[in-house]
């Protein structure tokens, strides 16, 4: 019996062969197809989709979205205090961040959340010397929905809204 693994010539999949015959194809997207495989293929879809580093019996929940953006610059990177899209340094499942007022932003998802009961955690940092401590909140009275959530950054000393250079958000749920 011979067992082999080869890359598809188009670089879009890997092929597992038994005795020179293609048996299972794994695409770059992680999809598996059984071409000429015969016999039982055992597994548990729920177990297979869990994070491989998880231990214990508590469930594991992945991050559904994250963003690192600059509240002081527009999406082209220029300093800007108008209500336009903000400069995103990096993100996952976030299309854009819209400034809606001083220190107020709406973060939009690329793919909607399954419901509006997700949790968002924030952190901020400002590079201005002597800027003081900052507080971040879930925005205003606008409830989160499946397509977006709001963020407001406030100066701790006076409670006033302030645009900050480093705003980070993570969505789980």
Protein backbone atom coordinates (compact mmCIF):
# COMPACT_ATOMS: atom_id res chain seq x y z
CA UNK A 1 0.00 0.00 0.00
CA UNK A 2 1.26 3.48 -0.79
CA UNK A 3 0.01 6.72 0.71
CA UNK A 4 0.89 10.13 -0.72
CA UNK A 5 0.15 13.82 -0.36
CA UNK A 6 0.63 16.20 -3.27
CA UNK A 7 -0.27 19.77 -4.09
CA UNK A 8 -2.72 20.41 -6.89
CA UNK A 9 -0.93 22.06 -9.90
CA UNK A 10 -3.19 25.12 -9.54
CA UNK A 11 -2.10 25.55 -5.89
CA UNK A 12 -5.72 25.49 -4.76
CA UNK A 13 -5.78 22.17 -2.95
CA UNK A 14 -3.89 19.26 -1.45
CA UNK A 15 -4.64 15.70 -2.55
CA UNK A 16 -4.30 12.56 -0.43
CA UNK A 17 -3.75 9.48 -2.56
CA UNK A 18 -3.82 5.80 -1.69
CA UNK A 19 -2.05 3.46 -4.15
CA UNK A 20 -1.75 6.31 -6.69
CA UNK A 21 -5.50 7.04 -6.84
CA UNK A 22 -6.86 10.39 -5.65
CA UNK A 23 -8.94 9.72 -2.56
CA UNK A 24 -9.51 12.96 -0.64
CA UNK A 25 -9.05 16.57 -1.77
CA UNK A 26 -8.61 19.41 0.77
CA UNK A 27 -9.08 22.89 -0.72
CA UNK A 28 -7.37 26.09 0.44
CA UNK A 29 -10.74 27.09 1.92
CA UNK A 30 -10.60 24.01 4.16
CA UNK A 31 -13.32 22.10 2.32
CA UNK A 32 -12.88 18.33 2.00
CA UNK A 33 -14.19 16.26 -0.87
CA UNK A 34 -13.92 12.52 -1.21
CA UNK A 35 -13.29 11.69 -4.88
CA UNK A 36 -12.96 7.91 -5.00
CA UNK A 37 -12.90 7.18 -1.31
CA UNK A 38 -14.83 4.11 -0.26
CA UNK A 39 -15.42 3.01 3.29
CA UNK A 40 -16.31 4.74 6.51
CA UNK A 41 -15.15 8.26 7.23
CA UNK A 42 -15.56 8.85 10.97
CA UNK A 43 -15.70 12.16 12.79
CA UNK A 44 -17.83 14.63 14.63
CA UNK A 45 -18.52 17.95 12.91
CA UNK A 46 -19.08 19.78 16.21
CA UNK A 47 -15.76 18.53 17.57
CA UNK A 48 -13.92 19.16 14.32
CA UNK A 49 -14.89 22.82 14.26
CA UNK A 50 -13.76 23.62 17.82
CA UNK A 51 -10.48 25.39 18.34
CA UNK A 52 -7.66 22.88 18.36
CA UNK A 53 -5.99 24.47 21.40
CA UNK A 54 -9.06 24.23 23.62
CA UNK A 55 -8.81 22.17 26.79
CA UNK A 56 -11.36 21.31 29.42
CA UNK A 57 -15.11 21.00 29.07
CA UNK A 58 -16.13 24.68 28.93
CA UNK A 59 -17.20 25.80 25.44
CA UNK A 60 -14.85 27.91 23.33
CA UNK A 61 -16.13 31.04 21.62
CA UNK A 62 -14.15 32.70 18.88
CA UNK A 63 -13.73 36.38 18.16
CA UNK A 64 -16.33 37.37 15.57
CA UNK A 65 -14.85 40.81 14.80
CA UNK A 66 -12.00 43.08 15.85
CA UNK A 67 -10.69 46.51 14.87
CA UNK A 68 -7.75 48.82 15.61
CA UNK A 69 -8.51 52.35 14.35
CA UNK A 70 -7.42 55.98 14.68
CA UNK A 71 -10.23 58.30 15.74
CA UNK A 72 -8.19 61.39 14.75
CA UNK A 73 -7.61 60.49 11.07
CA UNK A 74 -9.91 59.83 8.12
CA UNK A 75 -9.75 56.66 6.04
CA UNK A 76 -7.02 58.13 3.80
CA UNK A 77 -4.81 58.72 6.87
CA UNK A 78 -5.10 62.53 7.03
CA UNK A 79 -5.86 64.32 10.32
CA UNK A 80 -9.55 65.08 10.17
CA UNK A 81 -12.23 66.16 12.66
CA UNK A 82 -15.17 65.77 10.27
CA UNK A 83 -17.76 63.01 10.44
CA UNK A 84 -16.18 60.64 7.92
CA UNK A 85 -14.82 57.09 7.94
CA UNK A 86 -11.81 56.62 10.23
CA UNK A 87 -8.38 55.18 9.46
CA UNK A 88 -8.34 51.43 10.20
CA UNK A 89 -4.90 49.99 11.00
CA UNK A 90 -6.17 46.42 11.04
CA UNK A 91 -9.46 44.55 11.38
CA UNK A 92 -11.37 41.36 10.94
CA UNK A 93 -15.05 41.35 9.87
CA UNK A 94 -15.20 45.16 9.98
CA UNK A 95 -15.92 47.16 6.81
CA UNK A 96 -15.58 50.68 8.17
CA UNK A 97 -15.69 52.91 11.24
CA UNK A 98 -17.73 56.10 10.85
CA UNK A 99 -17.11 59.12 13.09
CA UNK A 100 -20.52 60.51 14.08
CA UNK A 101 -19.31 63.26 16.44
CA UNK A 102 -16.37 64.12 18.69
CA UNK A 103 -15.28 60.84 20.27
CA UNK A 104 -18.27 58.98 18.79
CA UNK A 105 -17.96 56.19 16.24
CA UNK A 106 -20.10 53.49 14.65
CA UNK A 107 -18.31 50.24 13.75
CA UNK A 108 -19.87 48.29 10.86
CA UNK A 109 -19.51 44.52 10.38
CA UNK A 110 -18.63 42.89 7.04
CA UNK A 111 -20.78 39.89 7.97
CA UNK A 112 -23.69 40.45 10.33
CA UNK A 113 -23.73 38.91 13.79
CA UNK A 114 -26.25 36.08 14.29
CA UNK A 115 -28.05 38.26 16.86
CA UNK A 116 -27.52 41.51 18.79
CA UNK A 117 -26.60 39.78 22.06
CA UNK A 118 -22.83 39.82 21.49
CA UNK A 119 -20.28 41.34 23.85
CA UNK A 120 -17.83 44.08 22.90
CA UNK A 121 -14.69 44.90 24.85
CA UNK A 122 -12.69 48.08 24.25
CA UNK A 123 -9.39 49.63 25.09
CA UNK A 124 -7.86 52.97 24.13
CA UNK A 125 -4.52 54.73 24.14
CA UNK A 126 -3.58 58.28 23.28
CA UNK A 127 -0.05 59.29 22.37
CA UNK A 128 -0.46 62.93 23.42
CA UNK A 129 1.76 63.71 26.43
CA UNK A 130 -0.16 64.50 29.60
CA UNK A 131 -3.44 63.57 27.96
CA UNK A 132 -4.80 61.93 31.12
CA UNK A 133 -6.96 58.86 31.54
CA UNK A 134 -9.72 57.89 29.16
CA UNK A 135 -12.96 55.98 29.46
CA UNK A 136 -14.68 54.16 26.64
CA UNK A 137 -18.35 53.27 26.56
CA UNK A 138 -20.77 51.45 24.32
CA UNK A 139 -21.61 54.76 22.75
CA UNK A 140 -24.95 56.33 23.43
CA UNK A 141 -28.43 54.99 24.00
CA UNK A 142 -28.31 53.24 20.62
CA UNK A 143 -28.60 49.50 21.21
CA UNK A 144 -26.19 47.26 19.31
CA UNK A 145 -27.68 45.56 16.27
CA UNK A 146 -26.49 42.73 14.05
CA UNK A 147 -24.73 45.08 11.60
CA UNK A 148 -22.99 47.62 13.88
CA UNK A 149 -22.26 48.98 17.35
CA UNK A 150 -21.28 52.41 18.69
CA UNK A 151 -18.25 53.56 20.64
CA UNK A 152 -17.70 56.78 22.63
CA UNK A 153 -14.34 57.85 24.08
CA UNK A 154 -14.36 60.25 27.04
CA UNK A 155 -11.70 62.14 28.98
CA UNK A 156 -11.79 60.89 32.58
CA UNK A 157 -10.88 64.27 34.07
CA UNK A 158 -13.92 66.13 32.73
CA UNK A 159 -16.14 63.45 31.14
CA UNK A 160 -16.05 65.22 27.77
CA UNK A 161 -15.91 63.29 24.51
CA UNK A 162 -12.52 63.18 22.80
CA UNK A 163 -11.14 61.73 19.54
CA UNK A 164 -8.27 59.36 20.34
CA UNK A 165 -5.48 57.94 18.19
CA UNK A 166 -5.68 54.31 19.29
CA UNK A 167 -9.07 52.64 19.74
CA UNK A 168 -9.37 48.84 19.89
CA UNK A 169 -12.54 46.71 19.96
CA UNK A 170 -13.13 42.95 20.08
CA UNK A 171 -16.54 41.31 19.51
CA UNK A 172 -17.43 37.89 20.95
CA UNK A 173 -20.77 36.18 20.83
